[in-house]
Amino acid sequence: MPRARRAIRPCAQRRIPDDDRGHADGVRLSDEARDEAVNSRATMQVKLIDHASVPLEKLYAAFRTCYSSDTPIEIWRKIEAEKISRERIREFIGERLKTGHGSPLEQIVFWFAIAGVSRSLSHQFVRHRIGISFEQQSQRYVKFKQERLAFVMPDSWERAGLAGDYEDLLAKTSELYAKALKAGIAAEDARFVLPNAAPTNFHVMVNFAEMLHICDLRLCVRAQWEIRRMVALMRAEIKRVLPELALSLQPKCGENRMGYCDESLEDWQKCPLGKVRPHKSSLFELYEKYGTRKARALGDEEFRAVEEKEQL
């Protein structure tokens, strides 16, 4: 798994030196105000709240139902009578995970509590729609009343020397938001000034099949650093309780997933995993060299052959 960049600094971080402190409009915040801004940075938290009970046994029964003359009831009686060892269950599941047979994986469910991630991340996360359910903190019904709103700041702003400008802008946003609430503007309208840096919280239910898909995309080094870190923490939580299943939670180039990179050749060359994972182009080159037939684009001839075979 690619190492995720540290998304958010802890509250006890150092103060930014005076020389590095920018300002948005020629007005600098006081040292005390700036320290408050630094200390209001949100801290990402990811916790596995619960998961399906006896998940390996459930997976075994689901897979075995597809490949056995025994009924599901008979399969479960054998499991409960310990006629099938846990080692045999692990081996069987491991072999099935290699086949790409995905529907039984939907029967294993995880519940996560996630806090302190940005709205920028949430806009990406909620694009996962199949096999996952979200409950998200509302900016419409929740009034953020603290003196200074929490926010997420990418490390890139500090590296560019613009952390001060960023914090000044967020401090002014906090003041305007509080001023709007005090003036009687409803939270659902006051929230219009809140940026993508505003933190949000999730309660998430996700099945194992979708968790695999999320890791395929979001553990890839091309994913944005914050969501990559969050998914890495979700994987770590699953690994803590179900290491057998966590083995398959990899970026899509992992040996337990596709095994190769399907991104552009340029992106693959930049990726630190490119040294140990092949690119799809190299696989095509091997096929061209050693395959029994030359690879070419699918055309009408191929589709007609399929139609004739299937009597369409």
Protein backbone atom coordinates (compact mmCIF):
# COMPACT_ATOMS: atom_id res chain seq x y z
CA MET A 1 0.00 0.00 0.00
CA PRO A 2 1.40 3.42 -0.88
CA ARG A 3 2.37 5.47 2.08
CA ALA A 4 -0.20 8.22 2.60
CA ARG A 5 1.04 11.73 3.19
CA ARG A 6 0.21 13.17 6.60
CA ALA A 7 -3.01 15.06 5.95
CA ILE A 8 -3.44 17.29 8.98
CA ARG A 9 -1.03 18.49 11.58
CA PRO A 10 -1.90 17.96 15.25
CA CYS A 11 -3.00 20.92 17.34
CA ALA A 12 0.30 21.03 19.24
CA GLN A 13 2.31 21.89 16.14
CA ARG A 14 4.89 24.66 16.00
CA ARG A 15 3.95 28.26 15.28
CA ILE A 16 4.78 29.58 11.85
CA PRO A 17 7.82 31.92 11.92
CA ASP A 18 7.02 35.61 11.44
CA ASP A 19 8.91 35.75 8.15
CA ASP A 20 6.66 33.03 6.70
CA ARG A 21 3.38 34.65 7.68
CA GLY A 22 1.48 36.12 4.81
CA HIS A 23 -1.59 38.31 4.86
CA ALA A 24 -4.59 38.61 2.58
CA ASP A 25 -5.21 42.34 2.52
CA GLY A 26 -2.30 44.03 4.27
CA VAL A 27 -3.76 43.41 7.76
CA ARG A 28 -1.88 40.84 9.82
CA LEU A 29 -3.49 38.82 12.59
CA SER A 30 -2.00 39.10 16.05
CA ASP A 31 0.25 36.28 17.30
CA GLU A 32 -2.54 35.16 19.64
CA ALA A 33 -5.10 35.12 16.83
CA ARG A 34 -2.73 33.20 14.58
CA ASP A 35 -2.02 30.61 17.26
CA GLU A 36 -5.78 30.15 17.62
CA ALA A 37 -5.98 29.62 13.86
CA VAL A 38 -3.23 26.98 13.98
CA ASN A 39 -4.91 25.24 16.91
CA SER A 40 -8.23 25.15 15.09
CA ARG A 41 -6.95 22.84 12.41
CA ALA A 42 -9.14 19.77 12.19
CA THR A 43 -7.74 16.35 13.07
CA MET A 44 -8.73 13.37 10.94
CA GLN A 45 -10.20 10.49 12.91
CA VAL A 46 -11.25 7.09 11.52
CA LYS A 47 -12.69 4.33 13.69
CA LEU A 48 -14.22 0.98 12.80
CA ILE A 49 -17.37 0.92 14.93
CA ASP A 50 -18.59 -2.57 14.05
CA HIS A 51 -18.51 -5.25 11.39
CA ALA A 52 -20.58 -8.27 10.43
CA SER A 53 -20.26 -11.00 13.04
CA VAL A 54 -18.34 -14.17 12.06
CA PRO A 55 -17.46 -12.58 8.69
CA LEU A 56 -15.18 -15.37 7.46
CA GLU A 57 -17.84 -17.97 8.16
CA LYS A 58 -20.45 -15.85 6.39
CA LEU A 59 -18.17 -15.48 3.37
CA TYR A 60 -17.48 -19.20 3.33
CA ALA A 61 -21.18 -20.06 3.49
CA ALA A 62 -22.02 -17.55 0.75
CA PHE A 63 -19.32 -18.84 -1.59
CA ARG A 64 -19.96 -22.50 -0.76
CA THR A 65 -23.67 -22.09 -1.49
CA CYS A 66 -22.71 -21.33 -5.09
CA TYR A 67 -20.44 -24.36 -5.46
CA SER A 68 -22.00 -27.06 -3.28
CA SER A 69 -24.95 -29.45 -3.51
CA ASP A 70 -25.48 -28.84 0.23
CA THR A 71 -28.17 -26.36 1.18
CA PRO A 72 -27.11 -23.18 3.04
CA ILE A 73 -28.67 -24.67 6.19
CA GLU A 74 -26.55 -27.80 5.86
CA ILE A 75 -23.44 -25.72 5.24
CA TRP A 76 -24.05 -23.69 8.40
CA ARG A 77 -24.67 -26.85 10.44
CA LYS A 78 -21.23 -28.11 9.38
CA ILE A 79 -19.67 -24.74 10.28
CA GLU A 80 -21.34 -24.64 13.70
CA ALA A 81 -20.41 -28.26 14.38
CA GLU A 82 -16.80 -27.33 13.54
CA LYS A 83 -16.67 -30.00 10.85
CA ILE A 84 -14.94 -27.39 8.71
CA SER A 85 -11.78 -25.99 10.29
CA ARG A 86 -11.07 -22.28 10.38
CA GLU A 87 -7.92 -22.96 8.41
CA ARG A 88 -9.97 -24.61 5.68
CA ILE A 89 -12.36 -21.64 5.72
CA ARG A 90 -9.46 -19.21 5.30
CA GLU A 91 -7.94 -21.21 2.46
CA PHE A 92 -11.24 -21.53 0.63
CA ILE A 93 -11.98 -17.79 0.93
CA GLY A 94 -8.46 -16.93 -0.23
CA GLU A 95 -8.91 -19.02 -3.36
CA ARG A 96 -12.32 -17.52 -4.09
CA LEU A 97 -11.01 -13.96 -3.70
CA LYS A 98 -8.57 -14.66 -6.53
CA THR A 99 -11.39 -15.54 -8.94
CA GLY A 100 -13.13 -12.17 -9.06
CA HIS A 101 -16.42 -13.70 -7.85
CA GLY A 102 -17.66 -10.58 -6.09
CA SER A 103 -21.32 -10.94 -5.10
CA PRO A 104 -20.69 -12.89 -1.83
CA LEU A 105 -18.44 -10.04 -0.69
CA GLU A 106 -21.50 -7.78 -0.50
CA GLN A 107 -22.73 -9.78 2.50
CA ILE A 108 -19.85 -8.60 4.72
CA VAL A 109 -20.49 -5.11 6.09
CA PHE A 110 -18.40 -2.56 8.02
CA TRP A 111 -19.50 0.54 9.94
CA PHE A 112 -17.07 3.47 10.26
CA ALA A 113 -17.10 6.73 12.18
CA ILE A 114 -15.05 9.37 10.36
CA ALA A 115 -14.41 12.91 11.61
CA GLY A 116 -12.33 15.95 10.76
CA VAL A 117 -12.12 15.49 6.98
CA SER A 118 -12.61 18.33 4.54
CA ARG A 119 -15.62 19.10 2.38
CA SER A 120 -13.22 18.72 -0.52
CA LEU A 121 -12.76 15.08 0.49
CA SER A 122 -16.46 14.54 1.11
CA HIS A 123 -17.37 15.63 -2.43
CA GLN A 124 -15.10 12.84 -3.70
CA PHE A 125 -16.15 10.23 -1.14
CA VAL A 126 -19.90 10.44 -1.78
CA ARG A 127 -19.31 9.61 -5.44
CA HIS A 128 -19.05 6.01 -4.28
CA ARG A 129 -22.72 5.04 -4.47
CA ILE A 130 -23.07 1.25 -4.76
CA GLY A 131 -22.72 -0.84 -1.61
CA ILE A 132 -22.17 2.14 0.67
CA SER A 133 -24.41 4.34 2.80
CA PHE A 134 -23.48 7.76 4.25
CA GLU A 135 -24.78 9.95 7.01
CA GLN A 136 -22.96 13.29 6.95
CA GLN A 137 -22.88 16.24 9.32
CA SER A 138 -25.20 18.94 8.00
CA GLN A 139 -24.07 22.51 7.51
CA ARG A 140 -27.74 23.44 7.23
CA TYR A 141 -28.85 22.28 10.67
CA VAL A 142 -25.57 22.52 12.58
CA LYS A 143 -24.50 26.01 13.65
CA PHE A 144 -20.75 26.20 14.17
CA LYS A 145 -20.47 28.61 17.09
CA GLN A 146 -16.86 28.31 18.22
CA GLU A 147 -14.76 31.47 18.14
CA ARG A 148 -12.75 30.23 15.20
CA LEU A 149 -13.98 27.55 12.83
CA ALA A 150 -11.86 24.46 12.43
CA PHE A 151 -10.42 23.81 9.00
CA VAL A 152 -8.16 21.44 7.06
CA MET A 153 -4.99 22.84 5.50
CA PRO A 154 -2.90 20.86 2.98
CA ASP A 155 0.83 20.74 3.73
CA SER A 156 1.45 22.14 0.24
CA TRP A 157 0.37 25.60 1.45
CA GLU A 158 3.09 25.59 4.09
CA ARG A 159 5.69 24.33 1.63
CA ALA A 160 4.74 27.19 -0.70
CA GLY A 161 5.09 29.71 2.14
CA LEU A 162 1.40 30.68 1.92
CA ALA A 163 0.18 29.22 5.22
CA GLY A 164 -0.27 32.70 6.67
CA ASP A 165 -2.47 33.87 3.79
CA TYR A 166 -4.52 30.70 4.11
CA GLU A 167 -5.04 31.16 7.85
CA ASP A 168 -5.87 34.87 7.48
CA LEU A 169 -8.56 34.06 4.93
CA LEU A 170 -10.05 31.30 7.09
CA ALA A 171 -10.01 33.60 10.13
CA LYS A 172 -11.94 36.26 8.21
CA THR A 173 -14.36 33.59 6.96
CA SER A 174 -14.95 32.51 10.56
CA GLU A 175 -15.67 36.09 11.58
CA LEU A 176 -18.08 36.63 8.70
CA TYR A 177 -19.90 33.37 9.39
CA ALA A 178 -20.33 34.25 13.07
CA LYS A 179 -21.45 37.76 12.11
CA ALA A 180 -24.06 36.29 9.76
CA LEU A 181 -25.49 34.01 12.46
CA LYS A 182 -25.59 36.89 14.94
CA ALA A 183 -27.46 38.99 12.39
CA GLY A 184 -30.15 36.32 12.19
CA ILE A 185 -29.13 34.74 8.92
CA ALA A 186 -30.12 31.08 8.97
CA ALA A 187 -27.31 28.53 9.16
CA GLU A 188 -28.41 27.16 5.79
CA ASP A 189 -27.61 30.54 4.24
CA ALA A 190 -24.62 31.46 6.42
CA ARG A 191 -22.91 28.26 5.23
CA PHE A 192 -22.54 29.76 1.75
CA VAL A 193 -19.29 31.40 2.91
CA LEU A 194 -17.80 28.14 4.23
CA PRO A 195 -14.93 26.79 2.06
CA ASN A 196 -13.91 23.32 0.94
CA ALA A 197 -11.49 23.44 3.88
CA ALA A 198 -14.40 23.24 6.34
CA PRO A 199 -14.34 19.88 8.15
CA THR A 200 -17.19 17.40 8.14
CA ASN A 201 -18.09 14.10 9.82
CA PHE A 202 -19.46 10.81 8.47
CA HIS A 203 -21.12 7.67 9.74
CA VAL A 204 -20.58 5.12 6.98
CA MET A 205 -21.83 1.61 6.26
CA VAL A 206 -19.93 -0.14 3.46
CA ASN A 207 -19.80 -3.72 2.24
CA PHE A 208 -16.55 -5.52 1.48
CA ALA A 209 -17.05 -5.51 -2.30
CA GLU A 210 -17.33 -1.72 -2.35
CA MET A 211 -14.46 -1.37 0.11
CA LEU A 212 -12.28 -3.24 -2.40
CA HIS A 213 -13.36 -0.83 -5.13
CA ILE A 214 -12.68 2.21 -2.92
CA CYS A 215 -9.18 0.93 -2.16
CA ASP A 216 -8.59 0.22 -5.85
CA LEU A 217 -9.03 3.90 -6.63
CA ARG A 218 -8.21 5.80 -3.45
CA LEU A 219 -5.06 3.98 -2.37
CA CYS A 220 -3.55 4.70 -5.78
CA VAL A 221 -0.94 7.45 -5.52
CA ARG A 222 -2.93 9.44 -8.10
CA ALA A 223 -5.73 9.91 -5.54
CA GLN A 224 -5.68 13.15 -3.56
CA TRP A 225 -3.58 12.89 -0.41
CA GLU A 226 -6.42 13.44 2.08
CA ILE A 227 -8.80 10.76 0.81
CA ARG A 228 -5.82 8.44 0.32
CA ARG A 229 -4.93 8.87 3.97
CA MET A 230 -8.52 8.34 5.11
CA VAL A 231 -8.88 5.11 3.13
CA ALA A 232 -5.48 3.92 4.38
CA LEU A 233 -6.78 4.41 7.93
CA MET A 234 -9.99 2.53 7.08
CA ARG A 235 -7.86 -0.32 5.77
CA ALA A 236 -5.73 -0.27 8.91
CA GLU A 237 -8.87 -0.53 11.05
CA ILE A 238 -10.07 -3.57 9.09
CA LYS A 239 -6.60 -5.13 9.22
CA ARG A 240 -6.65 -4.81 13.00
CA VAL A 241 -9.68 -7.12 13.32
CA LEU A 242 -9.72 -9.06 10.02
CA PRO A 243 -6.19 -9.35 8.63
CA GLU A 244 -7.30 -12.13 6.24
CA LEU A 245 -9.63 -9.76 4.39
CA ALA A 246 -7.31 -6.75 4.62
CA LEU A 247 -4.80 -8.58 2.40
CA SER A 248 -7.05 -7.86 -0.57
CA LEU A 249 -7.48 -4.16 0.25
CA GLN A 250 -4.85 -2.72 -2.08
CA PRO A 251 -4.53 -0.18 -4.86
CA LYS A 252 -5.70 -1.65 -8.15
CA CYS A 253 -2.12 -2.47 -9.19
CA GLY A 254 -1.69 -4.71 -6.13
CA GLU A 255 -0.89 -8.39 -6.63
CA ASN A 256 -4.25 -9.29 -5.05
CA ARG A 257 -6.15 -6.95 -7.39
CA MET A 258 -5.44 -6.39 -11.11
CA GLY A 259 -1.69 -6.71 -10.61
CA TYR A 260 -0.79 -3.99 -13.12
CA CYS A 261 -1.25 -0.24 -13.60
CA ASP A 262 -3.92 0.94 -16.06
CA GLU A 263 -3.18 4.65 -15.67
CA SER A 264 -1.31 6.59 -18.34
CA LEU A 265 2.29 5.59 -19.05
CA GLU A 266 3.42 9.04 -17.87
CA ASP A 267 1.67 8.65 -14.50
CA TRP A 268 3.04 5.12 -14.09
CA GLN A 269 6.57 6.41 -14.66
CA LYS A 270 6.10 8.96 -11.86
CA CYS A 271 4.63 6.44 -9.41
CA PRO A 272 6.95 4.99 -6.74
CA LEU A 273 5.15 1.65 -7.19
CA GLY A 274 6.05 1.65 -10.88
CA LYS A 275 9.34 -0.04 -9.97
CA VAL A 276 7.50 -3.16 -8.78
CA ARG A 277 4.19 -3.10 -10.73
CA PRO A 278 4.00 -3.50 -14.53
CA HIS A 279 2.17 -1.08 -16.79
CA LYS A 280 -0.58 -2.37 -19.06
CA SER A 281 1.44 -1.41 -22.14
CA SER A 282 4.20 -3.85 -21.17
CA LEU A 283 1.63 -6.65 -20.89
CA PHE A 284 0.39 -5.91 -24.40
CA GLU A 285 3.97 -5.95 -25.65
CA LEU A 286 4.48 -9.39 -24.12
CA TYR A 287 1.28 -10.61 -25.75
CA GLU A 288 2.37 -9.22 -29.10
CA LYS A 289 5.71 -10.99 -28.74
CA TYR A 290 4.66 -14.33 -27.31
CA GLY A 291 0.91 -14.59 -27.92
CA THR A 292 -0.50 -17.07 -30.42
CA ARG A 293 -2.40 -14.27 -32.19
CA LYS A 294 -1.67 -10.61 -32.65
CA ALA A 295 -3.74 -8.23 -30.56
CA ARG A 296 -5.95 -5.82 -32.46
CA ALA A 297 -8.98 -3.66 -31.83
CA LEU A 298 -12.36 -5.40 -31.65
CA GLY A 299 -14.37 -4.77 -34.80
CA ASP A 300 -17.66 -5.79 -36.41
CA GLU A 301 -16.23 -9.16 -37.36
CA GLU A 302 -15.60 -10.10 -33.75
CA PHE A 303 -19.02 -8.92 -32.61
CA ARG A 304 -20.70 -10.84 -35.44
CA ALA A 305 -18.87 -13.99 -34.30
CA VAL A 306 -20.22 -13.51 -30.79
CA GLU A 307 -23.74 -12.88 -32.10
CA GLU A 308 -23.63 -16.03 -34.22
CA LYS A 309 -22.32 -18.08 -31.30
CA GLU A 310 -25.07 -16.80 -29.04
CA GLN A 311 -27.63 -17.04 -31.86
CA LEU A 312 -28.61 -13.38 -31.47
